[in-house]
Amino acid sequence: MVTYQRLWDTLKKKKIRKHDLMEMADISSTTLTKLNKDEIVALTVLVKICKALDCQIEDVVEVKDEAFV
């Protein structure tokens, strides 16, 4: 299980709207919906987001412990 709460916190801190992130990272609305639902997305998507936001992957995604149970 993953959560993208850190992404939303990063966006808030940087004062970037979700729609702006789509353009900055060149991701689709479908991908944004998956992120909103805490669904798995490709690592390439996460890298694009990190590059667009000039941040590290831990600023975007967190793996919850129950994923390993």
C-alpha atoms as a PDB file:
ATOM      1  CA  MET A   1       0.000   0.000   0.000  1.00  0.00           C
ATOM      2  CA  VAL A   2       1.244   3.461  -0.864  1.00  0.00           C
ATOM      3  CA  THR A   3       0.135   6.944  -0.022  1.00  0.00           C
ATOM      4  CA  TYR A   4       0.829  10.161  -1.877  1.00  0.00           C
ATOM      5  CA  GLN A   5      -0.001  12.448   1.050  1.00  0.00           C
ATOM      6  CA  ARG A   6       3.593  13.640   0.967  1.00  0.00           C
ATOM      7  CA  LEU A   7       3.051  14.782  -2.632  1.00  0.00           C
ATOM      8  CA  TRP A   8       0.016  16.848  -1.636  1.00  0.00           C
ATOM      9  CA  ASP A   9       1.984  18.308   1.289  1.00  0.00           C
ATOM     10  CA  THR A  10       4.861  19.174  -1.056  1.00  0.00           C
ATOM     11  CA  LEU A  11       2.488  20.824  -3.518  1.00  0.00           C
ATOM     12  CA  LYS A  12       0.914  22.846  -0.716  1.00  0.00           C
ATOM     13  CA  LYS A  13       4.318  23.936   0.591  1.00  0.00           C
ATOM     14  CA  LYS A  14       5.397  24.993  -2.904  1.00  0.00           C
ATOM     15  CA  LYS A  15       1.986  26.577  -3.610  1.00  0.00           C
ATOM     16  CA  ILE A  16       1.426  24.466  -6.742  1.00  0.00           C
ATOM     17  CA  ARG A  17      -2.016  23.332  -7.841  1.00  0.00           C
ATOM     18  CA  LYS A  18      -2.645  19.747  -8.958  1.00  0.00           C
ATOM     19  CA  HIS A  19      -3.578  20.951 -12.438  1.00  0.00           C
ATOM     20  CA  ASP A  20      -0.270  22.814 -12.653  1.00  0.00           C
ATOM     21  CA  LEU A  21       1.562  19.657 -11.617  1.00  0.00           C
ATOM     22  CA  MET A  22      -0.029  17.827 -14.540  1.00  0.00           C
ATOM     23  CA  GLU A  23       1.479  20.329 -16.955  1.00  0.00           C
ATOM     24  CA  MET A  24       4.828  20.640 -15.181  1.00  0.00           C
ATOM     25  CA  ALA A  25       5.398  16.871 -14.992  1.00  0.00           C
ATOM     26  CA  ASP A  26       3.586  16.039 -18.239  1.00  0.00           C
ATOM     27  CA  ILE A  27       1.237  13.552 -16.593  1.00  0.00           C
ATOM     28  CA  SER A  28      -2.311  12.747 -17.600  1.00  0.00           C
ATOM     29  CA  SER A  29      -5.517  13.387 -15.706  1.00  0.00           C
ATOM     30  CA  THR A  30      -5.871   9.604 -15.396  1.00  0.00           C
ATOM     31  CA  THR A  31      -2.537   9.447 -13.601  1.00  0.00           C
ATOM     32  CA  LEU A  32      -3.561  12.292 -11.317  1.00  0.00           C
ATOM     33  CA  THR A  33      -6.742  10.387 -10.477  1.00  0.00           C
ATOM     34  CA  LYS A  34      -4.663   7.319  -9.577  1.00  0.00           C
ATOM     35  CA  LEU A  35      -2.482   9.464  -7.324  1.00  0.00           C
ATOM     36  CA  ASN A  36      -5.594  10.911  -5.663  1.00  0.00           C
ATOM     37  CA  LYS A  37      -6.823   7.365  -4.973  1.00  0.00           C
ATOM     38  CA  ASP A  38      -3.433   6.188  -3.628  1.00  0.00           C
ATOM     39  CA  GLU A  39      -3.147   3.676  -6.465  1.00  0.00           C
ATOM     40  CA  ILE A  40       0.169   2.385  -7.767  1.00  0.00           C
ATOM     41  CA  VAL A  41       1.710   4.403 -10.607  1.00  0.00           C
ATOM     42  CA  ALA A  42       4.836   3.700 -12.640  1.00  0.00           C
ATOM     43  CA  LEU A  43       8.202   4.687 -11.251  1.00  0.00           C
ATOM     44  CA  THR A  44       8.749   6.778 -14.376  1.00  0.00           C
ATOM     45  CA  VAL A  45       5.760   8.912 -13.342  1.00  0.00           C
ATOM     46  CA  LEU A  46       7.190   9.442  -9.880  1.00  0.00           C
ATOM     47  CA  VAL A  47      10.548  10.433 -11.382  1.00  0.00           C
ATOM     48  CA  LYS A  48       8.825  12.965 -13.671  1.00  0.00           C
ATOM     49  CA  ILE A  49       7.044  14.454 -10.654  1.00  0.00           C
ATOM     50  CA  CYS A  50      10.282  14.625  -8.662  1.00  0.00           C
ATOM     51  CA  LYS A  51      12.064  16.391 -11.518  1.00  0.00           C
ATOM     52  CA  ALA A  52       9.190  18.842 -11.998  1.00  0.00           C
ATOM     53  CA  LEU A  53       9.060  19.675  -8.292  1.00  0.00           C
ATOM     54  CA  ASP A  54      12.835  19.503  -7.747  1.00  0.00           C
ATOM     55  CA  CYS A  55      12.373  17.116  -4.850  1.00  0.00           C
ATOM     56  CA  GLN A  56      13.222  13.591  -3.755  1.00  0.00           C
ATOM     57  CA  ILE A  57      10.962  10.560  -4.078  1.00  0.00           C
ATOM     58  CA  GLU A  58      10.373  10.516  -0.314  1.00  0.00           C
ATOM     59  CA  ASP A  59       8.734  13.939  -0.745  1.00  0.00           C
ATOM     60  CA  VAL A  60       6.182  12.307  -3.053  1.00  0.00           C
ATOM     61  CA  VAL A  61       5.354   8.779  -1.931  1.00  0.00           C
ATOM     62  CA  GLU A  62       5.353   6.741   1.251  1.00  0.00           C
ATOM     63  CA  VAL A  63       5.125   2.966   1.412  1.00  0.00           C
ATOM     64  CA  LYS A  64       2.955   1.871   4.298  1.00  0.00           C
ATOM     65  CA  ASP A  65       4.111  -1.018   6.467  1.00  0.00           C
ATOM     66  CA  GLU A  66       1.049  -3.145   5.785  1.00  0.00           C
ATOM     67  CA  ALA A  67       2.253  -3.467   2.181  1.00  0.00           C
ATOM     68  CA  PHE A  68       4.790  -5.990   3.424  1.00  0.00           C
ATOM     69  CA  VAL A  69       2.419  -8.158   5.479  1.00  0.00           C
END
